[in-house]
PDB file of all heavy atoms in Angstrom:
ATOM      1  N   GLY A   1     143.425 -85.308 307.332  1.00  0.00           N
ATOM      2  CA  GLY A   1     143.658 -84.147 308.168  1.00  0.00           C
ATOM      3  C   GLY A   1     142.470 -83.237 308.325  1.00  0.00           C
ATOM      4  O   GLY A   1     141.369 -83.651 308.696  1.00  0.00           O
ATOM      5  N   TYR A   2     142.696 -81.971 307.986  1.00  0.00           N
ATOM      6  CA  TYR A   2     141.702 -80.921 308.193  1.00  0.00           C
ATOM      7  C   TYR A   2     140.685 -80.968 307.058  1.00  0.00           C
ATOM      8  O   TYR A   2     140.881 -80.391 305.995  1.00  0.00           O
ATOM      9  CB  TYR A   2     142.425 -79.575 308.238  1.00  0.00           C
ATOM     10  CG  TYR A   2     141.541 -78.386 308.545  1.00  0.00           C
ATOM     11  CD1 TYR A   2     140.789 -78.336 309.731  1.00  0.00           C
ATOM     12  CD2 TYR A   2     141.479 -77.307 307.676  1.00  0.00           C
ATOM     13  CE1 TYR A   2     139.993 -77.236 310.016  1.00  0.00           C
ATOM     14  CE2 TYR A   2     140.686 -76.198 307.953  1.00  0.00           C
ATOM     15  CZ  TYR A   2     139.944 -76.169 309.118  1.00  0.00           C
ATOM     16  OH  TYR A   2     139.157 -75.077 309.405  1.00  0.00           O
ATOM     17  N   ARG A   3     139.588 -81.669 307.274  1.00  0.00           N
ATOM     18  CA  ARG A   3     138.549 -81.789 306.263  1.00  0.00           C
ATOM     19  C   ARG A   3     137.200 -82.069 306.929  1.00  0.00           C
ATOM     20  O   ARG A   3     137.128 -82.417 308.110  1.00  0.00           O
ATOM     21  CB  ARG A   3     138.870 -82.898 305.260  1.00  0.00           C
ATOM     22  CG  ARG A   3     138.850 -84.300 305.856  1.00  0.00           C
ATOM     23  CD  ARG A   3     138.999 -85.371 304.792  1.00  0.00           C
ATOM     24  NE  ARG A   3     137.850 -85.441 303.901  1.00  0.00           N
ATOM     25  CZ  ARG A   3     137.666 -86.392 302.980  1.00  0.00           C
ATOM     26  NH1 ARG A   3     138.576 -87.331 302.820  1.00  0.00           N
ATOM     27  NH2 ARG A   3     136.585 -86.396 302.221  1.00  0.00           N
ATOM     28  N   ALA A   4     136.155 -81.917 306.154  1.00  0.00           N
ATOM     29  CA  ALA A   4     134.803 -82.315 306.549  1.00  0.00           C
ATOM     30  C   ALA A   4     134.390 -81.731 307.905  1.00  0.00           C
ATOM     31  O   ALA A   4     134.372 -80.518 308.077  1.00  0.00           O
ATOM     32  CB  ALA A   4     134.699 -83.832 306.530  1.00  0.00           C
ATOM     33  N   ILE A   5     134.075 -82.599 308.866  1.00  0.00           N
ATOM     34  CA  ILE A   5     133.532 -82.143 310.144  1.00  0.00           C
ATOM     35  C   ILE A   5     134.507 -81.250 310.888  1.00  0.00           C
ATOM     36  O   ILE A   5     134.110 -80.325 311.609  1.00  0.00           O
ATOM     37  CB  ILE A   5     133.111 -83.354 311.031  1.00  0.00           C
ATOM     38  CG1 ILE A   5     132.218 -82.888 312.191  1.00  0.00           C
ATOM     39  CG2 ILE A   5     134.337 -84.096 311.541  1.00  0.00           C
ATOM     40  CD1 ILE A   5     130.868 -82.375 311.752  1.00  0.00           C
ATOM     41  N   ARG A   6     135.818 -81.454 310.697  1.00  0.00           N
ATOM     42  CA  ARG A   6     136.809 -80.644 311.408  1.00  0.00           C
ATOM     43  C   ARG A   6     136.835 -79.213 310.862  1.00  0.00           C
ATOM     44  O   ARG A   6     137.078 -78.269 311.603  1.00  0.00           O
ATOM     45  CB  ARG A   6     138.189 -81.311 311.336  1.00  0.00           C
ATOM     46  CG  ARG A   6     138.259 -82.517 312.281  1.00  0.00           C
ATOM     47  CD  ARG A   6     139.480 -83.376 312.082  1.00  0.00           C
ATOM     48  NE  ARG A   6     139.446 -84.173 310.857  1.00  0.00           N
ATOM     49  CZ  ARG A   6     138.646 -85.225 310.670  1.00  0.00           C
ATOM     50  NH1 ARG A   6     137.798 -85.586 311.618  1.00  0.00           N
ATOM     51  NH2 ARG A   6     138.682 -85.912 309.548  1.00  0.00           N
ATOM     52  N   ILE A   7     136.578 -79.062 309.588  1.00  0.00           N
ATOM     53  CA  ILE A   7     136.442 -77.716 309.025  1.00  0.00           C
ATOM     54  C   ILE A   7     135.177 -77.058 309.571  1.00  0.00           C
ATOM     55  O   ILE A   7     135.178 -75.893 309.973  1.00  0.00           O
ATOM     56  CB  ILE A   7     136.389 -77.772 307.479  1.00  0.00           C
ATOM     57  CG1 ILE A   7     137.743 -78.228 306.918  1.00  0.00           C
ATOM     58  CG2 ILE A   7     136.007 -76.414 306.895  1.00  0.00           C
ATOM     59  CD1 ILE A   7     137.753 -78.438 305.424  1.00  0.00           C
ATOM     60  N   CYS A   8     134.092 -77.824 309.595  1.00  0.00           N
ATOM     61  CA  CYS A   8     132.813 -77.286 310.072  1.00  0.00           C
ATOM     62  C   CYS A   8     132.881 -76.851 311.528  1.00  0.00           C
ATOM     63  O   CYS A   8     132.283 -75.834 311.916  1.00  0.00           O
ATOM     64  CB  CYS A   8     131.712 -78.331 309.890  1.00  0.00           C
ATOM     65  SG  CYS A   8     131.314 -78.657 308.165  1.00  0.00           S
ATOM     66  N   LEU A   9     133.584 -77.617 312.350  1.00  0.00           N
ATOM     67  CA  LEU A   9     133.647 -77.295 313.785  1.00  0.00           C
ATOM     68  C   LEU A   9     134.567 -76.116 314.083  1.00  0.00           C
ATOM     69  O   LEU A   9     134.499 -75.540 315.176  1.00  0.00           O
ATOM     70  CB  LEU A   9     134.092 -78.529 314.576  1.00  0.00           C
ATOM     71  CG  LEU A   9     133.062 -79.667 314.650  1.00  0.00           C
ATOM     72  CD1 LEU A   9     133.649 -80.886 315.338  1.00  0.00           C
ATOM     73  CD2 LEU A   9     131.789 -79.207 315.365  1.00  0.00           C
ATOM     74  N   THR A  10     135.436 -75.765 313.142  1.00  0.00           N
ATOM     75  CA  THR A  10     136.294 -74.587 313.341  1.00  0.00           C
ATOM     76  C   THR A  10     135.745 -73.367 312.607  1.00  0.00           C
ATOM     77  O   THR A  10     136.130 -72.242 312.898  1.00  0.00           O
ATOM     78  CB  THR A  10     137.733 -74.861 312.863  1.00  0.00           C
ATOM     79  OG1 THR A  10     137.714 -75.311 311.512  1.00  0.00           O
ATOM     80  CG2 THR A  10     138.395 -75.912 313.748  1.00  0.00           C
ATOM     81  N   ARG A  11     134.846 -73.601 311.645  1.00  0.00           N
ATOM     82  CA  ARG A  11     134.186 -72.488 310.945  1.00  0.00           C
ATOM     83  C   ARG A  11     132.685 -72.607 311.214  1.00  0.00           C
ATOM     84  O   ARG A  11     131.884 -72.933 310.338  1.00  0.00           O
ATOM     85  CB  ARG A  11     134.489 -72.539 309.455  1.00  0.00           C
ATOM     86  CG  ARG A  11     135.984 -72.442 309.156  1.00  0.00           C
ATOM     87  CD  ARG A  11     136.236 -72.204 307.686  1.00  0.00           C
ATOM     88  NE  ARG A  11     137.635 -72.136 307.368  1.00  0.00           N
ATOM     89  CZ  ARG A  11     138.125 -71.806 306.177  1.00  0.00           C
ATOM     90  NH1 ARG A  11     137.296 -71.507 305.188  1.00  0.00           N
ATOM     91  NH2 ARG A  11     139.421 -71.764 305.967  1.00  0.00           N
ATOM     92  N   LYS A  12     132.342 -72.347 312.455  1.00  0.00           N
ATOM     93  CA  LYS A  12     131.006 -72.669 312.954  1.00  0.00           C
ATOM     94  C   LYS A  12     129.894 -71.889 312.273  1.00  0.00           C
ATOM     95  O   LYS A  12     128.766 -72.387 312.138  1.00  0.00           O
ATOM     96  CB  LYS A  12     130.952 -72.467 314.467  1.00  0.00           C
ATOM     97  CG  LYS A  12     131.803 -73.487 315.232  1.00  0.00           C
ATOM     98  CD  LYS A  12     131.681 -73.319 316.731  1.00  0.00           C
ATOM     99  CE  LYS A  12     132.544 -74.357 317.456  1.00  0.00           C
ATOM    100  NZ  LYS A  12     132.485 -74.195 318.929  1.00  0.00           N
ATOM    101  N   GLU A  13     130.160 -70.668 311.836  1.00  0.00           N
ATOM    102  CA  GLU A  13     129.102 -69.890 311.197  1.00  0.00           C
ATOM    103  C   GLU A  13     128.657 -70.537 309.883  1.00  0.00           C
ATOM    104  O   GLU A  13     127.470 -70.554 309.559  1.00  0.00           O
ATOM    105  CB  GLU A  13     129.566 -68.445 310.961  1.00  0.00           C
ATOM    106  CG  GLU A  13     129.499 -67.571 312.199  1.00  0.00           C
ATOM    107  CD  GLU A  13     128.147 -67.655 312.904  1.00  0.00           C
ATOM    108  OE1 GLU A  13     127.112 -67.476 312.224  1.00  0.00           O
ATOM    109  OE2 GLU A  13     128.123 -67.901 314.122  1.00  0.00           O
ATOM    110  N   ILE A  14     129.631 -71.066 309.133  1.00  0.00           N
ATOM    111  CA  ILE A  14     129.304 -71.772 307.892  1.00  0.00           C
ATOM    112  C   ILE A  14     128.479 -73.016 308.212  1.00  0.00           C
ATOM    113  O   ILE A  14     127.479 -73.317 307.552  1.00  0.00           O
ATOM    114  CB  ILE A  14     130.597 -72.164 307.140  1.00  0.00           C
ATOM    115  CG1 ILE A  14     131.366 -70.912 306.721  1.00  0.00           C
ATOM    116  CG2 ILE A  14     130.283 -73.035 305.924  1.00  0.00           C
ATOM    117  CD1 ILE A  14     132.753 -71.202 306.161  1.00  0.00           C
ATOM    118  N   PHE A  15     128.916 -73.750 309.251  1.00  0.00           N
ATOM    119  CA  PHE A  15     128.246 -74.978 309.661  1.00  0.00           C
ATOM    120  C   PHE A  15     126.830 -74.684 310.156  1.00  0.00           C
ATOM    121  O   PHE A  15     125.860 -75.354 309.779  1.00  0.00           O
ATOM    122  CB  PHE A  15     129.077 -75.656 310.739  1.00  0.00           C
ATOM    123  CG  PHE A  15     128.688 -77.078 311.032  1.00  0.00           C
ATOM    124  CD1 PHE A  15     128.136 -77.905 310.051  1.00  0.00           C
ATOM    125  CD2 PHE A  15     128.885 -77.623 312.299  1.00  0.00           C
ATOM    126  CE1 PHE A  15     127.792 -79.222 310.320  1.00  0.00           C
ATOM    127  CE2 PHE A  15     128.545 -78.940 312.574  1.00  0.00           C
ATOM    128  CZ  PHE A  15     128.002 -79.732 311.590  1.00  0.00           C
ATOM    129  N   LYS A  16     126.691 -73.652 311.005  1.00  0.00           N
ATOM    130  CA  LYS A  16     125.379 -73.299 311.545  1.00  0.00           C
ATOM    131  C   LYS A  16     124.406 -72.905 310.424  1.00  0.00           C
ATOM    132  O   LYS A  16     123.225 -73.249 310.459  1.00  0.00           O
ATOM    133  CB  LYS A  16     125.510 -72.132 312.528  1.00  0.00           C
ATOM    134  CG  LYS A  16     126.090 -72.508 313.883  1.00  0.00           C
ATOM    135  CD  LYS A  16     126.163 -71.271 314.760  1.00  0.00           C
ATOM    136  CE  LYS A  16     126.734 -71.569 316.133  1.00  0.00           C
ATOM    137  NZ  LYS A  16     126.842 -70.336 316.949  1.00  0.00           N
ATOM    138  N   GLN A  17     124.926 -72.192 309.446  1.00  0.00           N
ATOM    139  CA  GLN A  17     124.094 -71.767 308.324  1.00  0.00           C
ATOM    140  C   GLN A  17     123.523 -72.987 307.592  1.00  0.00           C
ATOM    141  O   GLN A  17     122.334 -73.032 307.259  1.00  0.00           O
ATOM    142  CB  GLN A  17     124.935 -70.912 307.373  1.00  0.00           C
ATOM    143  CG  GLN A  17     124.139 -70.232 306.282  1.00  0.00           C
ATOM    144  CD  GLN A  17     125.041 -69.375 305.404  1.00  0.00           C
ATOM    145  OE1 GLN A  17     125.894 -69.881 304.693  1.00  0.00           O
ATOM    146  NE2 GLN A  17     124.846 -68.060 305.466  1.00  0.00           N
ATOM    147  N   GLN A  18     124.378 -73.988 307.364  1.00  0.00           N
ATOM    148  CA  GLN A  18     123.907 -75.198 306.693  1.00  0.00           C
ATOM    149  C   GLN A  18     122.914 -75.956 307.557  1.00  0.00           C
ATOM    150  O   GLN A  18     121.869 -76.423 307.063  1.00  0.00           O
ATOM    151  CB  GLN A  18     125.082 -76.113 306.333  1.00  0.00           C
ATOM    152  CG  GLN A  18     124.601 -77.367 305.587  1.00  0.00           C
ATOM    153  CD  GLN A  18     125.730 -78.291 305.168  1.00  0.00           C
ATOM    154  OE1 GLN A  18     126.753 -78.364 305.830  1.00  0.00           O
ATOM    155  NE2 GLN A  18     125.535 -79.008 304.069  1.00  0.00           N
ATOM    156  N   LEU A  19     123.212 -76.078 308.840  1.00  0.00           N
ATOM    157  CA  LEU A  19     122.311 -76.798 309.739  1.00  0.00           C
ATOM    158  C   LEU A  19     120.942 -76.131 309.817  1.00  0.00           C
ATOM    159  O   LEU A  19     119.909 -76.801 309.841  1.00  0.00           O
ATOM    160  CB  LEU A  19     122.933 -76.903 311.136  1.00  0.00           C
ATOM    161  CG  LEU A  19     124.172 -77.809 311.251  1.00  0.00           C
ATOM    162  CD1 LEU A  19     124.757 -77.720 312.658  1.00  0.00           C
ATOM    163  CD2 LEU A  19     123.827 -79.257 310.910  1.00  0.00           C
ATOM    164  N   ARG A  20     120.924 -74.791 309.847  1.00  0.00           N
ATOM    165  CA  ARG A  20     119.639 -74.075 309.882  1.00  0.00           C
ATOM    166  C   ARG A  20     118.836 -74.364 308.612  1.00  0.00           C
ATOM    167  O   ARG A  20     117.614 -74.583 308.660  1.00  0.00           O
ATOM    168  CB  ARG A  20     119.874 -72.565 310.019  1.00  0.00           C
ATOM    169  CG  ARG A  20     120.252 -72.110 311.417  1.00  0.00           C
ATOM    170  CD  ARG A  20     120.098 -70.597 311.578  1.00  0.00           C
ATOM    171  NE  ARG A  20     120.982 -69.859 310.677  1.00  0.00           N
ATOM    172  CZ  ARG A  20     122.198 -69.434 311.006  1.00  0.00           C
ATOM    173  NH1 ARG A  20     122.697 -69.698 312.224  1.00  0.00           N
ATOM    174  NH2 ARG A  20     122.924 -68.752 310.146  1.00  0.00           N
ATOM    175  N   ALA A  21     119.510 -74.384 307.463  1.00  0.00           N
ATOM    176  CA  ALA A  21     118.829 -74.670 306.193  1.00  0.00           C
ATOM    177  C   ALA A  21     118.240 -76.073 306.197  1.00  0.00           C
ATOM    178  O   ALA A  21     117.111 -76.293 305.740  1.00  0.00           O
ATOM    179  CB  ALA A  21     119.812 -74.504 305.038  1.00  0.00           C
ATOM    180  N   ILE A  22     118.992 -77.037 306.730  1.00  0.00           N
ATOM    181  CA  ILE A  22     118.515 -78.425 306.791  1.00  0.00           C
ATOM    182  C   ILE A  22     117.322 -78.544 307.738  1.00  0.00           C
ATOM    183  O   ILE A  22     116.313 -79.199 307.423  1.00  0.00           O
ATOM    184  CB  ILE A  22     119.650 -79.374 307.227  1.00  0.00           C
ATOM    185  CG1 ILE A  22     120.752 -79.418 306.156  1.00  0.00           C
ATOM    186  CG2 ILE A  22     119.111 -80.783 307.486  1.00  0.00           C
ATOM    187  CD1 ILE A  22     122.009 -80.171 306.592  1.00  0.00           C
ATOM    188  N   LEU A  23     117.423 -77.895 308.910  1.00  0.00           N
ATOM    189  CA  LEU A  23     116.333 -77.965 309.888  1.00  0.00           C
ATOM    190  C   LEU A  23     115.054 -77.333 309.335  1.00  0.00           C
ATOM    191  O   LEU A  23     113.954 -77.852 309.538  1.00  0.00           O
ATOM    192  CB  LEU A  23     116.751 -77.283 311.187  1.00  0.00           C
ATOM    193  CG  LEU A  23     117.838 -78.021 312.004  1.00  0.00           C
ATOM    194  CD1 LEU A  23     118.319 -77.155 313.158  1.00  0.00           C
ATOM    195  CD2 LEU A  23     117.316 -79.354 312.517  1.00  0.00           C
ATOM    196  N   ARG A  24     115.200 -76.233 308.629  1.00  0.00           N
ATOM    197  CA  ARG A  24     114.019 -75.587 308.018  1.00  0.00           C
ATOM    198  C   ARG A  24     113.374 -76.522 306.988  1.00  0.00           C
ATOM    199  O   ARG A  24     112.151 -76.650 306.914  1.00  0.00           O
ATOM    200  CB  ARG A  24     114.422 -74.273 307.362  1.00  0.00           C
ATOM    201  CG  ARG A  24     114.738 -73.149 308.344  1.00  0.00           C
ATOM    202  CD  ARG A  24     115.366 -71.965 307.608  1.00  0.00           C
ATOM    203  NE  ARG A  24     114.458 -71.393 306.600  1.00  0.00           N
ATOM    204  CZ  ARG A  24     114.854 -70.494 305.688  1.00  0.00           C
ATOM    205  NH1 ARG A  24     116.119 -70.080 305.657  1.00  0.00           N
ATOM    206  NH2 ARG A  24     113.982 -70.030 304.810  1.00  0.00           N
ATOM    207  N   ALA A  25     114.221 -77.190 306.203  1.00  0.00           N
ATOM    208  CA  ALA A  25     113.709 -78.090 305.166  1.00  0.00           C
ATOM    209  C   ALA A  25     113.048 -79.328 305.752  1.00  0.00           C
ATOM    210  O   ALA A  25     112.188 -79.944 305.108  1.00  0.00           O
ATOM    211  CB  ALA A  25     114.854 -78.503 304.238  1.00  0.00           C
ATOM    212  N   SER A  26     113.432 -79.691 306.976  1.00  0.00           N
ATOM    213  CA  SER A  26     112.881 -80.904 307.591  1.00  0.00           C
ATOM    214  C   SER A  26     111.382 -80.785 307.850  1.00  0.00           C
ATOM    215  O   SER A  26     110.707 -81.799 308.062  1.00  0.00           O
ATOM    216  CB  SER A  26     113.613 -81.212 308.905  1.00  0.00           C
ATOM    217  OG  SER A  26     113.332 -80.231 309.890  1.00  0.00           O
ATOM    218  N   ALA A  27     110.847 -79.570 307.814  1.00  0.00           N
ATOM    219  CA  ALA A  27     109.408 -79.381 307.987  1.00  0.00           C
ATOM    220  C   ALA A  27     108.630 -79.856 306.761  1.00  0.00           C
ATOM    221  O   ALA A  27     107.403 -79.984 306.810  1.00  0.00           O
ATOM    222  CB  ALA A  27     109.100 -77.905 308.259  1.00  0.00           C
ATOM    223  N   TYR A  28     109.334 -80.129 305.654  1.00  0.00           N
ATOM    224  CA  TYR A  28     108.674 -80.490 304.395  1.00  0.00           C
ATOM    225  C   TYR A  28     108.874 -81.951 304.001  1.00  0.00           C
ATOM    226  O   TYR A  28     108.505 -82.356 302.909  1.00  0.00           O
ATOM    227  CB  TYR A  28     109.192 -79.584 303.273  1.00  0.00           C
ATOM    228  CG  TYR A  28     108.883 -78.126 303.512  1.00  0.00           C
ATOM    229  CD1 TYR A  28     109.761 -77.330 304.258  1.00  0.00           C
ATOM    230  CD2 TYR A  28     107.722 -77.554 303.034  1.00  0.00           C
ATOM    231  CE1 TYR A  28     109.475 -75.988 304.497  1.00  0.00           C
ATOM    232  CE2 TYR A  28     107.428 -76.218 303.270  1.00  0.00           C
ATOM    233  CZ  TYR A  28     108.301 -75.447 304.005  1.00  0.00           C
ATOM    234  OH  TYR A  28     108.016 -74.130 304.247  1.00  0.00           O
ATOM    235  N   GLY A  29     109.442 -82.739 304.912  1.00  0.00           N
ATOM    236  CA  GLY A  29     109.652 -84.145 304.605  1.00  0.00           C
ATOM    237  C   GLY A  29     110.355 -84.846 305.756  1.00  0.00           C
ATOM    238  O   GLY A  29     110.452 -84.303 306.858  1.00  0.00           O
ATOM    239  N   THR A  30     110.831 -86.046 305.485  1.00  0.00           N
ATOM    240  CA  THR A  30     111.552 -86.822 306.501  1.00  0.00           C
ATOM    241  C   THR A  30     113.046 -86.667 306.257  1.00  0.00           C
ATOM    242  O   THR A  30     113.606 -87.281 305.339  1.00  0.00           O
ATOM    243  CB  THR A  30     111.156 -88.313 306.427  1.00  0.00           C
ATOM    244  OG1 THR A  30     109.736 -88.426 306.495  1.00  0.00           O
ATOM    245  CG2 THR A  30     111.795 -89.100 307.559  1.00  0.00           C
ATOM    246  N   VAL A  31     113.668 -85.818 307.044  1.00  0.00           N
ATOM    247  CA  VAL A  31     115.076 -85.463 306.827  1.00  0.00           C
ATOM    248  C   VAL A  31     115.930 -85.913 307.999  1.00  0.00           C
ATOM    249  O   VAL A  31     115.542 -85.768 309.167  1.00  0.00           O
ATOM    250  CB  VAL A  31     115.227 -83.933 306.627  1.00  0.00           C
ATOM    251  CG1 VAL A  31     116.700 -83.545 306.494  1.00  0.00           C
ATOM    252  CG2 VAL A  31     114.449 -83.481 305.392  1.00  0.00           C
ATOM    253  N   ALA A  32     117.083 -86.495 307.696  1.00  0.00           N
ATOM    254  CA  ALA A  32     118.059 -86.883 308.709  1.00  0.00           C
ATOM    255  C   ALA A  32     119.403 -86.258 308.357  1.00  0.00           C
ATOM    256  O   ALA A  32     119.633 -85.856 307.214  1.00  0.00           O
ATOM    257  CB  ALA A  32     118.187 -88.409 308.780  1.00  0.00           C
ATOM    258  N   VAL A  33     120.284 -86.156 309.344  1.00  0.00           N
ATOM    259  CA  VAL A  33     121.590 -85.521 309.148  1.00  0.00           C
ATOM    260  C   VAL A  33     122.700 -86.542 309.371  1.00  0.00           C
ATOM    261  O   VAL A  33     122.651 -87.340 310.313  1.00  0.00           O
ATOM    262  CB  VAL A  33     121.781 -84.336 310.126  1.00  0.00           C
ATOM    263  CG1 VAL A  33     123.176 -83.730 309.970  1.00  0.00           C
ATOM    264  CG2 VAL A  33     120.730 -83.271 309.885  1.00  0.00           C
ATOM    265  N   MET A  34     123.696 -86.496 308.486  1.00  0.00           N
ATOM    266  CA  MET A  34     124.886 -87.341 308.633  1.00  0.00           C
ATOM    267  C   MET A  34     126.108 -86.424 308.760  1.00  0.00           C
ATOM    268  O   MET A  34     126.290 -85.509 307.964  1.00  0.00           O
ATOM    269  CB  MET A  34     125.065 -88.253 307.416  1.00  0.00           C
ATOM    270  CG  MET A  34     126.331 -89.104 307.466  1.00  0.00           C
ATOM    271  SD  MET A  34     126.698 -89.922 305.874  1.00  0.00           S
ATOM    272  CE  MET A  34     125.305 -91.034 305.745  1.00  0.00           C
TER     273      MET A  34
END
C-alpha cells in the first residue's frame, strides 16, 4: 500500500529535501538514484 515512493510523492517537501542532498553530493563522485 502506502509506502516508499507513494509516501514521497504525497510528502513532496521531504522528498525534495532528500533529492537536493543527493544532487549536491553527486558533485563529489558518481552518484545514481533509485
